[in-house]
Amino acid sequence: MRIHGRTIGAMGLFGAREGFVTKEDAAIGQALADVATISLMQERTIREAALVNEQLQLALNTRVLIEQAKGVIAHTSGVDMDAAFNLLRNHARANSQSLHTTAGRVVDRSLTL
């Protein structure tokens, strides 16, 4: 099973009797292998697209949470947004936490910076 010069798998062709495969049987077998190859590649493409979509959605959600935390810090501490981000980042680093976790704690008011 090949596509664009790349081998992605193999398929066995078995008959009810011992003997050689006819040209017609070989052509049918190749057609089945081609259909299976295309199906596998489409499934892989869909799976990879879903994974990328999930990663992008997580990145967007994280970014939104960080922006919310920056707003809370800027408002409560009376600093600008850049300073708020620096406070957030420094606290996350000093406490070995992810920026996302620290931002979530700021937004839900379980952490005050």
PDB file of N, CA and C in Angstrom:
ATOM      1  N   MET A   1       0.856  -1.152   0.000  1.00  0.00           N
ATOM      2  CA  MET A   1       0.000   0.000   0.000  1.00  0.00           C
ATOM      3  C   MET A   1       0.913   1.228   0.000  1.00  0.00           C
ATOM      4  N   ARG A   2       0.943   1.911  -1.138  1.00  0.00           N
ATOM      5  CA  ARG A   2       1.816   3.064  -1.309  1.00  0.00           C
ATOM      6  C   ARG A   2       1.023   4.266  -1.787  1.00  0.00           C
ATOM      7  N   ILE A   3       1.519   5.433  -1.365  1.00  0.00           N
ATOM      8  CA  ILE A   3       0.960   6.684  -1.861  1.00  0.00           C
ATOM      9  C   ILE A   3       2.098   7.677  -1.984  1.00  0.00           C
ATOM     10  N   HIS A   4       2.210   8.314  -3.104  1.00  0.00           N
ATOM     11  CA  HIS A   4       3.263   9.285  -3.389  1.00  0.00           C
ATOM     12  C   HIS A   4       4.652   8.723  -3.066  1.00  0.00           C
ATOM     13  N   GLY A   5       4.882   7.465  -3.424  1.00  0.00           N
ATOM     14  CA  GLY A   5       6.186   6.853  -3.214  1.00  0.00           C
ATOM     15  C   GLY A   5       6.461   6.434  -1.780  1.00  0.00           C
ATOM     16  N   ARG A   6       5.492   6.591  -0.919  1.00  0.00           N
ATOM     17  CA  ARG A   6       5.663   6.238   0.493  1.00  0.00           C
ATOM     18  C   ARG A   6       4.824   5.010   0.820  1.00  0.00           C
ATOM     19  N   THR A   7       5.446   4.024   1.445  1.00  0.00           N
ATOM     20  CA  THR A   7       4.737   2.814   1.847  1.00  0.00           C
ATOM     21  C   THR A   7       4.067   3.055   3.186  1.00  0.00           C
ATOM     22  N   ILE A   8       2.768   2.788   3.252  1.00  0.00           N
ATOM     23  CA  ILE A   8       2.046   3.007   4.506  1.00  0.00           C
ATOM     24  C   ILE A   8       1.520   1.704   5.100  1.00  0.00           C
ATOM     25  N   GLY A   9       1.651   0.615   4.390  1.00  0.00           N
ATOM     26  CA  GLY A   9       1.164  -0.649   4.917  1.00  0.00           C
ATOM     27  C   GLY A   9       1.248  -1.753   3.876  1.00  0.00           C
ATOM     28  N   ALA A  10       0.714  -2.894   4.229  1.00  0.00           N
ATOM     29  CA  ALA A  10       0.704  -4.043   3.332  1.00  0.00           C
ATOM     30  C   ALA A  10      -0.657  -4.723   3.439  1.00  0.00           C
ATOM     31  N   MET A  11      -1.010  -5.426   2.374  1.00  0.00           N
ATOM     32  CA  MET A  11      -2.288  -6.121   2.357  1.00  0.00           C
ATOM     33  C   MET A  11      -2.054  -7.492   1.740  1.00  0.00           C
ATOM     34  N   GLY A  12      -2.553  -8.521   2.376  1.00  0.00           N
ATOM     35  CA  GLY A  12      -2.423  -9.880   1.853  1.00  0.00           C
ATOM     36  C   GLY A  12      -3.615 -10.242   0.994  1.00  0.00           C
ATOM     37  N   LEU A  13      -3.348 -11.028  -0.027  1.00  0.00           N
ATOM     38  CA  LEU A  13      -4.414 -11.481  -0.930  1.00  0.00           C
ATOM     39  C   LEU A  13      -4.426 -12.999  -0.876  1.00  0.00           C
ATOM     40  N   PHE A  14      -5.490 -13.574  -0.373  1.00  0.00           N
ATOM     41  CA  PHE A  14      -5.595 -15.013  -0.202  1.00  0.00           C
ATOM     42  C   PHE A  14      -6.751 -15.550  -1.029  1.00  0.00           C
ATOM     43  N   GLY A  15      -6.565 -16.767  -1.540  1.00  0.00           N
ATOM     44  CA  GLY A  15      -7.604 -17.394  -2.343  1.00  0.00           C
ATOM     45  C   GLY A  15      -8.128 -18.652  -1.673  1.00  0.00           C
ATOM     46  N   ALA A  16      -9.186 -19.201  -2.242  1.00  0.00           N
ATOM     47  CA  ALA A  16      -9.792 -20.420  -1.701  1.00  0.00           C
ATOM     48  C   ALA A  16      -8.996 -21.653  -2.119  1.00  0.00           C
ATOM     49  N   ARG A  17      -8.202 -21.517  -3.193  1.00  0.00           N
ATOM     50  CA  ARG A  17      -7.404 -22.643  -3.687  1.00  0.00           C
ATOM     51  C   ARG A  17      -5.944 -22.213  -3.807  1.00  0.00           C
ATOM     52  N   GLU A  18      -5.058 -23.197  -3.724  1.00  0.00           N
ATOM     53  CA  GLU A  18      -3.653 -22.925  -3.953  1.00  0.00           C
ATOM     54  C   GLU A  18      -3.430 -22.665  -5.427  1.00  0.00           C
ATOM     55  N   GLY A  19      -2.428 -21.871  -5.721  1.00  0.00           N
ATOM     56  CA  GLY A  19      -2.106 -21.622  -7.119  1.00  0.00           C
ATOM     57  C   GLY A  19      -1.745 -20.174  -7.349  1.00  0.00           C
ATOM     58  N   PHE A  20      -1.496 -19.864  -8.575  1.00  0.00           N
ATOM     59  CA  PHE A  20      -1.109 -18.503  -8.937  1.00  0.00           C
ATOM     60  C   PHE A  20      -2.322 -17.578  -8.994  1.00  0.00           C
ATOM     61  N   VAL A  21      -2.063 -16.304  -8.796  1.00  0.00           N
ATOM     62  CA  VAL A  21      -3.108 -15.299  -8.896  1.00  0.00           C
ATOM     63  C   VAL A  21      -3.226 -14.894 -10.362  1.00  0.00           C
ATOM     64  N   THR A  22      -4.452 -14.846 -10.854  1.00  0.00           N
ATOM     65  CA  THR A  22      -4.649 -14.438 -12.244  1.00  0.00           C
ATOM     66  C   THR A  22      -4.439 -12.929 -12.369  1.00  0.00           C
ATOM     67  N   LYS A  23      -4.259 -12.460 -13.578  1.00  0.00           N
ATOM     68  CA  LYS A  23      -4.100 -11.017 -13.801  1.00  0.00           C
ATOM     69  C   LYS A  23      -5.331 -10.258 -13.335  1.00  0.00           C
ATOM     70  N   GLU A  24      -6.480 -10.831 -13.560  1.00  0.00           N
ATOM     71  CA  GLU A  24      -7.728 -10.193 -13.139  1.00  0.00           C
ATOM     72  C   GLU A  24      -7.803 -10.101 -11.614  1.00  0.00           C
ATOM     73  N   ASP A  25      -7.465 -11.192 -10.928  1.00  0.00           N
ATOM     74  CA  ASP A  25      -7.461 -11.181  -9.463  1.00  0.00           C
ATOM     75  C   ASP A  25      -6.435 -10.186  -8.923  1.00  0.00           C
ATOM     76  N   ALA A  26      -5.278 -10.106  -9.568  1.00  0.00           N
ATOM     77  CA  ALA A  26      -4.238  -9.160  -9.146  1.00  0.00           C
ATOM     78  C   ALA A  26      -4.728  -7.725  -9.313  1.00  0.00           C
ATOM     79  N   ALA A  27      -5.425  -7.447 -10.408  1.00  0.00           N
ATOM     80  CA  ALA A  27      -5.952  -6.104 -10.652  1.00  0.00           C
ATOM     81  C   ALA A  27      -7.020  -5.752  -9.613  1.00  0.00           C
ATOM     82  N   ILE A  28      -7.874  -6.707  -9.294  1.00  0.00           N
ATOM     83  CA  ILE A  28      -8.901  -6.476  -8.273  1.00  0.00           C
ATOM     84  C   ILE A  28      -8.239  -6.254  -6.910  1.00  0.00           C
ATOM     85  N   GLY A  29      -7.235  -7.058  -6.607  1.00  0.00           N
ATOM     86  CA  GLY A  29      -6.501  -6.906  -5.351  1.00  0.00           C
ATOM     87  C   GLY A  29      -5.832  -5.542  -5.256  1.00  0.00           C
ATOM     88  N   GLN A  30      -5.247  -5.083  -6.373  1.00  0.00           N
ATOM     89  CA  GLN A  30      -4.602  -3.769  -6.382  1.00  0.00           C
ATOM     90  C   GLN A  30      -5.633  -2.656  -6.200  1.00  0.00           C
ATOM     91  N   ALA A  31      -6.790  -2.819  -6.814  1.00  0.00           N
ATOM     92  CA  ALA A  31      -7.851  -1.817  -6.645  1.00  0.00           C
ATOM     93  C   ALA A  31      -8.304  -1.747  -5.185  1.00  0.00           C
ATOM     94  N   LEU A  32      -8.450  -2.897  -4.551  1.00  0.00           N
ATOM     95  CA  LEU A  32      -8.823  -2.914  -3.133  1.00  0.00           C
ATOM     96  C   LEU A  32      -7.744  -2.263  -2.273  1.00  0.00           C
ATOM     97  N   ALA A  33      -6.486  -2.544  -2.581  1.00  0.00           N
ATOM     98  CA  ALA A  33      -5.376  -1.937  -1.833  1.00  0.00           C
ATOM     99  C   ALA A  33      -5.369  -0.424  -2.025  1.00  0.00           C
ATOM    100  N   ASP A  34      -5.640   0.042  -3.249  1.00  0.00           N
ATOM    101  CA  ASP A  34      -5.683   1.482  -3.521  1.00  0.00           C
ATOM    102  C   ASP A  34      -6.800   2.168  -2.729  1.00  0.00           C
ATOM    103  N   VAL A  35      -7.965   1.544  -2.692  1.00  0.00           N
ATOM    104  CA  VAL A  35      -9.092   2.107  -1.939  1.00  0.00           C
ATOM    105  C   VAL A  35      -8.766   2.135  -0.449  1.00  0.00           C
ATOM    106  N   ALA A  36      -8.158   1.054   0.058  1.00  0.00           N
ATOM    107  CA  ALA A  36      -7.783   1.006   1.470  1.00  0.00           C
ATOM    108  C   ALA A  36      -6.737   2.072   1.790  1.00  0.00           C
ATOM    109  N   THR A  37      -5.791   2.301   0.900  1.00  0.00           N
ATOM    110  CA  THR A  37      -4.756   3.314   1.103  1.00  0.00           C
ATOM    111  C   THR A  37      -5.372   4.701   1.187  1.00  0.00           C
ATOM    112  N   ILE A  38      -6.248   4.999   0.259  1.00  0.00           N
ATOM    113  CA  ILE A  38      -6.917   6.310   0.256  1.00  0.00           C
ATOM    114  C   ILE A  38      -7.734   6.489   1.533  1.00  0.00           C
ATOM    115  N   SER A  39      -8.423   5.464   1.950  1.00  0.00           N
ATOM    116  CA  SER A  39      -9.238   5.547   3.169  1.00  0.00           C
ATOM    117  C   SER A  39      -8.368   5.781   4.391  1.00  0.00           C
ATOM    118  N   LEU A  40      -7.247   5.075   4.477  1.00  0.00           N
ATOM    119  CA  LEU A  40      -6.336   5.269   5.609  1.00  0.00           C
ATOM    120  C   LEU A  40      -5.769   6.679   5.633  1.00  0.00           C
ATOM    121  N   MET A  41      -5.411   7.206   4.483  1.00  0.00           N
ATOM    122  CA  MET A  41      -4.850   8.554   4.424  1.00  0.00           C
ATOM    123  C   MET A  41      -5.898   9.598   4.791  1.00  0.00           C
ATOM    124  N   GLN A  42      -7.135   9.405   4.360  1.00  0.00           N
ATOM    125  CA  GLN A  42      -8.198  10.343   4.726  1.00  0.00           C
ATOM    126  C   GLN A  42      -8.465  10.312   6.225  1.00  0.00           C
ATOM    127  N   GLU A  43      -8.477   9.117   6.807  1.00  0.00           N
ATOM    128  CA  GLU A  43      -8.704   8.996   8.244  1.00  0.00           C
ATOM    129  C   GLU A  43      -7.570   9.671   9.004  1.00  0.00           C
ATOM    130  N   ARG A  44      -6.335   9.472   8.557  1.00  0.00           N
ATOM    131  CA  ARG A  44      -5.179  10.091   9.207  1.00  0.00           C
ATOM    132  C   ARG A  44      -5.260  11.612   9.116  1.00  0.00           C
ATOM    133  N   THR A  45      -5.659  12.120   7.962  1.00  0.00           N
ATOM    134  CA  THR A  45      -5.782  13.573   7.772  1.00  0.00           C
ATOM    135  C   THR A  45      -6.845  14.155   8.702  1.00  0.00           C
ATOM    136  N   ILE A  46      -7.969  13.477   8.818  1.00  0.00           N
ATOM    137  CA  ILE A  46      -9.049  13.942   9.694  1.00  0.00           C
ATOM    138  C   ILE A  46      -8.586  13.922  11.148  1.00  0.00           C
ATOM    139  N   ARG A  47      -7.905  12.848  11.558  1.00  0.00           N
ATOM    140  CA  ARG A  47      -7.425  12.731  12.935  1.00  0.00           C
ATOM    141  C   ARG A  47      -6.409  13.821  13.256  1.00  0.00           C
ATOM    142  N   GLU A  48      -5.480  14.080  12.331  1.00  0.00           N
ATOM    143  CA  GLU A  48      -4.469  15.117  12.548  1.00  0.00           C
ATOM    144  C   GLU A  48      -5.104  16.510  12.591  1.00  0.00           C
ATOM    145  N   ALA A  49      -6.091  16.750  11.748  1.00  0.00           N
ATOM    146  CA  ALA A  49      -6.783  18.046  11.753  1.00  0.00           C
ATOM    147  C   ALA A  49      -7.518  18.253  13.074  1.00  0.00           C
ATOM    148  N   ALA A  50      -8.136  17.201  13.599  1.00  0.00           N
ATOM    149  CA  ALA A  50      -8.836  17.306  14.877  1.00  0.00           C
ATOM    150  C   ALA A  50      -7.853  17.605  16.007  1.00  0.00           C
ATOM    151  N   LEU A  51      -6.673  16.994  15.951  1.00  0.00           N
ATOM    152  CA  LEU A  51      -5.653  17.241  16.973  1.00  0.00           C
ATOM    153  C   LEU A  51      -5.162  18.680  16.918  1.00  0.00           C
ATOM    154  N   VAL A  52      -4.906  19.187  15.717  1.00  0.00           N
ATOM    155  CA  VAL A  52      -4.469  20.574  15.567  1.00  0.00           C
ATOM    156  C   VAL A  52      -5.560  21.520  16.044  1.00  0.00           C
ATOM    157  N   ASN A  53      -6.805  21.227  15.706  1.00  0.00           N
ATOM    158  CA  ASN A  53      -7.930  22.051  16.141  1.00  0.00           C
ATOM    159  C   ASN A  53      -8.028  22.088  17.667  1.00  0.00           C
ATOM    160  N   GLU A  54      -7.848  20.936  18.290  1.00  0.00           N
ATOM    161  CA  GLU A  54      -7.895  20.857  19.753  1.00  0.00           C
ATOM    162  C   GLU A  54      -6.755  21.673  20.375  1.00  0.00           C
ATOM    163  N   GLN A  55      -5.563  21.572  19.805  1.00  0.00           N
ATOM    164  CA  GLN A  55      -4.418  22.325  20.321  1.00  0.00           C
ATOM    165  C   GLN A  55      -4.628  23.830  20.159  1.00  0.00           C
ATOM    166  N   LEU A  56      -5.165  24.247  19.024  1.00  0.00           N
ATOM    167  CA  LEU A  56      -5.427  25.665  18.813  1.00  0.00           C
ATOM    168  C   LEU A  56      -6.501  26.188  19.757  1.00  0.00           C
ATOM    169  N   GLN A  57      -7.526  25.389  20.001  1.00  0.00           N
ATOM    170  CA  GLN A  57      -8.586  25.797  20.925  1.00  0.00           C
ATOM    171  C   GLN A  57      -8.034  25.944  22.339  1.00  0.00           C
ATOM    172  N   LEU A  58      -7.174  25.013  22.758  1.00  0.00           N
ATOM    173  CA  LEU A  58      -6.565  25.102  24.080  1.00  0.00           C
ATOM    174  C   LEU A  58      -5.690  26.353  24.182  1.00  0.00           C
ATOM    175  N   ALA A  59      -4.919  26.636  23.133  1.00  0.00           N
ATOM    176  CA  ALA A  59      -4.070  27.834  23.138  1.00  0.00           C
ATOM    177  C   ALA A  59      -4.921  29.102  23.238  1.00  0.00           C
ATOM    178  N   LEU A  60      -6.032  29.130  22.505  1.00  0.00           N
ATOM    179  CA  LEU A  60      -6.923  30.285  22.558  1.00  0.00           C
ATOM    180  C   LEU A  60      -7.538  30.453  23.946  1.00  0.00           C
ATOM    181  N   ASN A  61      -8.012  29.353  24.518  1.00  0.00           N
ATOM    182  CA  ASN A  61      -8.596  29.405  25.853  1.00  0.00           C
ATOM    183  C   ASN A  61      -7.570  29.865  26.890  1.00  0.00           C
ATOM    184  N   THR A  62      -6.346  29.371  26.766  1.00  0.00           N
ATOM    185  CA  THR A  62      -5.279  29.774  27.675  1.00  0.00           C
ATOM    186  C   THR A  62      -5.004  31.259  27.541  1.00  0.00           C
ATOM    187  N   ARG A  63      -4.953  31.733  26.299  1.00  0.00           N
ATOM    188  CA  ARG A  63      -4.667  33.148  26.063  1.00  0.00           C
ATOM    189  C   ARG A  63      -5.766  34.038  26.644  1.00  0.00           C
ATOM    190  N   VAL A  64      -6.991  33.627  26.490  1.00  0.00           N
ATOM    191  CA  VAL A  64      -8.114  34.396  27.036  1.00  0.00           C
ATOM    192  C   VAL A  64      -7.999  34.465  28.561  1.00  0.00           C
ATOM    193  N   LEU A  65      -7.689  33.342  29.194  1.00  0.00           N
ATOM    194  CA  LEU A  65      -7.560  33.310  30.647  1.00  0.00           C
ATOM    195  C   LEU A  65      -6.414  34.203  31.116  1.00  0.00           C
ATOM    196  N   ILE A  66      -5.301  34.176  30.394  1.00  0.00           N
ATOM    197  CA  ILE A  66      -4.158  35.029  30.746  1.00  0.00           C
ATOM    198  C   ILE A  66      -4.539  36.504  30.617  1.00  0.00           C
ATOM    199  N   GLU A  67      -5.248  36.853  29.568  1.00  0.00           N
ATOM    200  CA  GLU A  67      -5.687  38.249  29.397  1.00  0.00           C
ATOM    201  C   GLU A  67      -6.627  38.680  30.518  1.00  0.00           C
ATOM    202  N   GLN A  68      -7.516  37.776  30.925  1.00  0.00           N
ATOM    203  CA  GLN A  68      -8.410  38.086  32.041  1.00  0.00           C
ATOM    204  C   GLN A  68      -7.608  38.309  33.321  1.00  0.00           C
ATOM    205  N   ALA A  69      -6.633  37.458  33.566  1.00  0.00           N
ATOM    206  CA  ALA A  69      -5.800  37.595  34.762  1.00  0.00           C
ATOM    207  C   ALA A  69      -5.009  38.897  34.730  1.00  0.00           C
ATOM    208  N   LYS A  70      -4.502  39.248  33.566  1.00  0.00           N
ATOM    209  CA  LYS A  70      -3.790  40.525  33.449  1.00  0.00           C
ATOM    210  C   LYS A  70      -4.714  41.687  33.803  1.00  0.00           C
ATOM    211  N   GLY A  71      -5.941  41.622  33.370  1.00  0.00           N
ATOM    212  CA  GLY A  71      -6.907  42.670  33.677  1.00  0.00           C
ATOM    213  C   GLY A  71      -7.193  42.764  35.168  1.00  0.00           C
ATOM    214  N   VAL A  72      -7.350  41.606  35.807  1.00  0.00           N
ATOM    215  CA  VAL A  72      -7.596  41.581  37.255  1.00  0.00           C
ATOM    216  C   VAL A  72      -6.401  42.176  37.992  1.00  0.00           C
ATOM    217  N   ILE A  73      -5.196  41.755  37.614  1.00  0.00           N
ATOM    218  CA  ILE A  73      -3.986  42.252  38.283  1.00  0.00           C
ATOM    219  C   ILE A  73      -3.830  43.751  38.050  1.00  0.00           C
ATOM    220  N   ALA A  74      -4.024  44.191  36.818  1.00  0.00           N
ATOM    221  CA  ALA A  74      -3.884  45.618  36.504  1.00  0.00           C
ATOM    222  C   ALA A  74      -4.874  46.449  37.326  1.00  0.00           C
ATOM    223  N   HIS A  75      -6.092  45.952  37.432  1.00  0.00           N
ATOM    224  CA  HIS A  75      -7.126  46.685  38.181  1.00  0.00           C
ATOM    225  C   HIS A  75      -6.834  46.703  39.679  1.00  0.00           C
ATOM    226  N   THR A  76      -6.524  45.539  40.243  1.00  0.00           N
ATOM    227  CA  THR A  76      -6.347  45.457  41.699  1.00  0.00           C
ATOM    228  C   THR A  76      -5.017  46.036  42.169  1.00  0.00           C
ATOM    229  N   SER A  77      -3.999  46.008  41.312  1.00  0.00           N
ATOM    230  CA  SER A  77      -2.670  46.498  41.711  1.00  0.00           C
ATOM    231  C   SER A  77      -2.374  47.895  41.193  1.00  0.00           C
ATOM    232  N   GLY A  78      -3.218  48.395  40.312  1.00  0.00           N
ATOM    233  CA  GLY A  78      -3.017  49.730  39.761  1.00  0.00           C
ATOM    234  C   GLY A  78      -1.790  49.831  38.869  1.00  0.00           C
ATOM    235  N   VAL A  79      -1.553  48.770  38.095  1.00  0.00           N
ATOM    236  CA  VAL A  79      -0.411  48.777  37.165  1.00  0.00           C
ATOM    237  C   VAL A  79      -0.918  48.629  35.741  1.00  0.00           C
ATOM    238  N   ASP A  80      -0.031  48.883  34.765  1.00  0.00           N
ATOM    239  CA  ASP A  80      -0.455  48.705  33.374  1.00  0.00           C
ATOM    240  C   ASP A  80      -0.417  47.213  33.001  1.00  0.00           C
ATOM    241  N   MET A  81      -0.888  46.914  31.806  1.00  0.00           N
ATOM    242  CA  MET A  81      -1.029  45.523  31.382  1.00  0.00           C
ATOM    243  C   MET A  81       0.322  44.815  31.258  1.00  0.00           C
ATOM    244  N   ASP A  82       1.352  45.513  30.813  1.00  0.00           N
ATOM    245  CA  ASP A  82       2.679  44.892  30.711  1.00  0.00           C
ATOM    246  C   ASP A  82       3.206  44.520  32.090  1.00  0.00           C
ATOM    247  N   ALA A  83       3.059  45.421  33.033  1.00  0.00           N
ATOM    248  CA  ALA A  83       3.499  45.138  34.404  1.00  0.00           C
ATOM    249  C   ALA A  83       2.680  43.999  35.004  1.00  0.00           C
ATOM    250  N   ALA A  84       1.388  43.968  34.705  1.00  0.00           N
ATOM    251  CA  ALA A  84       0.523  42.898  35.198  1.00  0.00           C
ATOM    252  C   ALA A  84       0.993  41.549  34.665  1.00  0.00           C
ATOM    253  N   PHE A  85       1.342  41.508  33.389  1.00  0.00           N
ATOM    254  CA  PHE A  85       1.835  40.258  32.805  1.00  0.00           C
ATOM    255  C   PHE A  85       3.145  39.836  33.459  1.00  0.00           C
ATOM    256  N   ASN A  86       4.033  40.792  33.691  1.00  0.00           N
ATOM    257  CA  ASN A  86       5.304  40.466  34.345  1.00  0.00           C
ATOM    258  C   ASN A  86       5.087  39.903  35.746  1.00  0.00           C
ATOM    259  N   LEU A  87       4.151  40.484  36.494  1.00  0.00           N
ATOM    260  CA  LEU A  87       3.828  39.954  37.824  1.00  0.00           C
ATOM    261  C   LEU A  87       3.295  38.518  37.731  1.00  0.00           C
ATOM    262  N   LEU A  88       2.407  38.309  36.781  1.00  0.00           N
ATOM    263  CA  LEU A  88       1.826  36.982  36.580  1.00  0.00           C
ATOM    264  C   LEU A  88       2.900  35.965  36.214  1.00  0.00           C
ATOM    265  N   ARG A  89       3.722  36.307  35.245  1.00  0.00           N
ATOM    266  CA  ARG A  89       4.773  35.399  34.776  1.00  0.00           C
ATOM    267  C   ARG A  89       5.802  35.123  35.874  1.00  0.00           C
ATOM    268  N   ASN A  90       6.209  36.159  36.574  1.00  0.00           N
ATOM    269  CA  ASN A  90       7.200  35.975  37.633  1.00  0.00           C
ATOM    270  C   ASN A  90       6.683  35.087  38.756  1.00  0.00           C
ATOM    271  N   HIS A  91       5.408  35.257  39.104  1.00  0.00           N
ATOM    272  CA  HIS A  91       4.828  34.408  40.149  1.00  0.00           C
ATOM    273  C   HIS A  91       4.758  32.955  39.679  1.00  0.00           C
ATOM    274  N   ALA A  92       4.367  32.744  38.442  1.00  0.00           N
ATOM    275  CA  ALA A  92       4.289  31.383  37.905  1.00  0.00           C
ATOM    276  C   ALA A  92       5.664  30.720  37.930  1.00  0.00           C
ATOM    277  N   ARG A  93       6.666  31.433  37.490  1.00  0.00           N
ATOM    278  CA  ARG A  93       8.029  30.889  37.476  1.00  0.00           C
ATOM    279  C   ARG A  93       8.541  30.612  38.883  1.00  0.00           C
ATOM    280  N   ALA A  94       8.337  31.566  39.780  1.00  0.00           N
ATOM    281  CA  ALA A  94       8.848  31.422  41.149  1.00  0.00           C
ATOM    282  C   ALA A  94       8.205  30.254  41.883  1.00  0.00           C
ATOM    283  N   ASN A  95       6.995  29.887  41.475  1.00  0.00           N
ATOM    284  CA  ASN A  95       6.270  28.807  42.148  1.00  0.00           C
ATOM    285  C   ASN A  95       6.158  27.542  41.307  1.00  0.00           C
ATOM    286  N   SER A  96       6.938  27.482  40.227  1.00  0.00           N
ATOM    287  CA  SER A  96       6.963  26.310  39.335  1.00  0.00           C
ATOM    288  C   SER A  96       5.562  25.901  38.881  1.00  0.00           C
ATOM    289  N   GLN A  97       4.770  26.906  38.507  1.00  0.00           N
ATOM    290  CA  GLN A  97       3.421  26.658  38.006  1.00  0.00           C
ATOM    291  C   GLN A  97       3.353  27.099  36.547  1.00  0.00           C
ATOM    292  N   SER A  98       2.410  26.541  35.833  1.00  0.00           N
ATOM    293  CA  SER A  98       2.201  27.012  34.471  1.00  0.00           C
ATOM    294  C   SER A  98       1.532  28.385  34.516  1.00  0.00           C
ATOM    295  N   LEU A  99       1.719  29.125  33.455  1.00  0.00           N
ATOM    296  CA  LEU A  99       1.085  30.438  33.356  1.00  0.00           C
ATOM    297  C   LEU A  99      -0.435  30.287  33.392  1.00  0.00           C
ATOM    298  N   HIS A 100      -0.929  29.241  32.759  1.00  0.00           N
ATOM    299  CA  HIS A 100      -2.363  28.970  32.715  1.00  0.00           C
ATOM    300  C   HIS A 100      -2.915  28.727  34.124  1.00  0.00           C
ATOM    301  N   THR A 101      -2.232  27.909  34.908  1.00  0.00           N
ATOM    302  CA  THR A 101      -2.680  27.615  36.272  1.00  0.00           C
ATOM    303  C   THR A 101      -2.688  28.874  37.128  1.00  0.00           C
ATOM    304  N   THR A 102      -1.603  29.635  37.044  1.00  0.00           N
ATOM    305  CA  THR A 102      -1.510  30.861  37.827  1.00  0.00           C
ATOM    306  C   THR A 102      -2.592  31.847  37.416  1.00  0.00           C
ATOM    307  N   ALA A 103      -2.816  31.991  36.122  1.00  0.00           N
ATOM    308  CA  ALA A 103      -3.856  32.903  35.631  1.00  0.00           C
ATOM    309  C   ALA A 103      -5.226  32.463  36.127  1.00  0.00           C
ATOM    310  N   GLY A 104      -5.491  31.167  36.111  1.00  0.00           N
ATOM    311  CA  GLY A 104      -6.772  30.658  36.598  1.00  0.00           C
ATOM    312  C   GLY A 104      -6.997  30.987  38.058  1.00  0.00           C
ATOM    313  N   ARG A 105      -5.938  30.882  38.863  1.00  0.00           N
ATOM    314  CA  ARG A 105      -6.046  31.203  40.288  1.00  0.00           C
ATOM    315  C   ARG A 105      -6.284  32.695  40.507  1.00  0.00           C
ATOM    316  N   VAL A 106      -5.687  33.530  39.653  1.00  0.00           N
ATOM    317  CA  VAL A 106      -5.913  34.977  39.765  1.00  0.00           C
ATOM    318  C   VAL A 106      -7.357  35.299  39.402  1.00  0.00           C
ATOM    319  N   VAL A 107      -7.845  34.714  38.325  1.00  0.00           N
ATOM    320  CA  VAL A 107      -9.210  34.996  37.858  1.00  0.00           C
ATOM    321  C   VAL A 107     -10.251  34.508  38.856  1.00  0.00           C
ATOM    322  N   ASP A 108     -10.023  33.324  39.456  1.00  0.00           N
ATOM    323  CA  ASP A 108     -11.020  32.846  40.432  1.00  0.00           C
ATOM    324  C   ASP A 108     -10.786  33.404  41.846  1.00  0.00           C
ATOM    325  N   ARG A 109      -9.852  34.338  41.942  1.00  0.00           N
ATOM    326  CA  ARG A 109      -9.549  35.099  43.161  1.00  0.00           C
ATOM    327  C   ARG A 109      -8.972  34.254  44.304  1.00  0.00           C
ATOM    328  N   SER A 110      -8.402  33.064  43.971  1.00  0.00           N
ATOM    329  CA  SER A 110      -7.737  32.276  45.004  1.00  0.00           C
ATOM    330  C   SER A 110      -6.271  32.690  45.144  1.00  0.00           C
ATOM    331  N   LEU A 111      -5.830  33.613  44.273  1.00  0.00           N
ATOM    332  CA  LEU A 111      -4.471  34.146  44.332  1.00  0.00           C
ATOM    333  C   LEU A 111      -4.543  35.630  44.070  1.00  0.00           C
ATOM    334  N   THR A 112      -3.856  36.395  44.905  1.00  0.00           N
ATOM    335  CA  THR A 112      -3.784  37.848  44.723  1.00  0.00           C
ATOM    336  C   THR A 112      -2.326  38.214  44.525  1.00  0.00           C
ATOM    337  N   LEU A 113      -2.063  38.968  43.454  1.00  0.00           N
ATOM    338  CA  LEU A 113      -0.689  39.413  43.191  1.00  0.00           C
ATOM    339  C   LEU A 113      -0.583  40.907  43.394  1.00  0.00           C
TER     340      LEU A 113
END
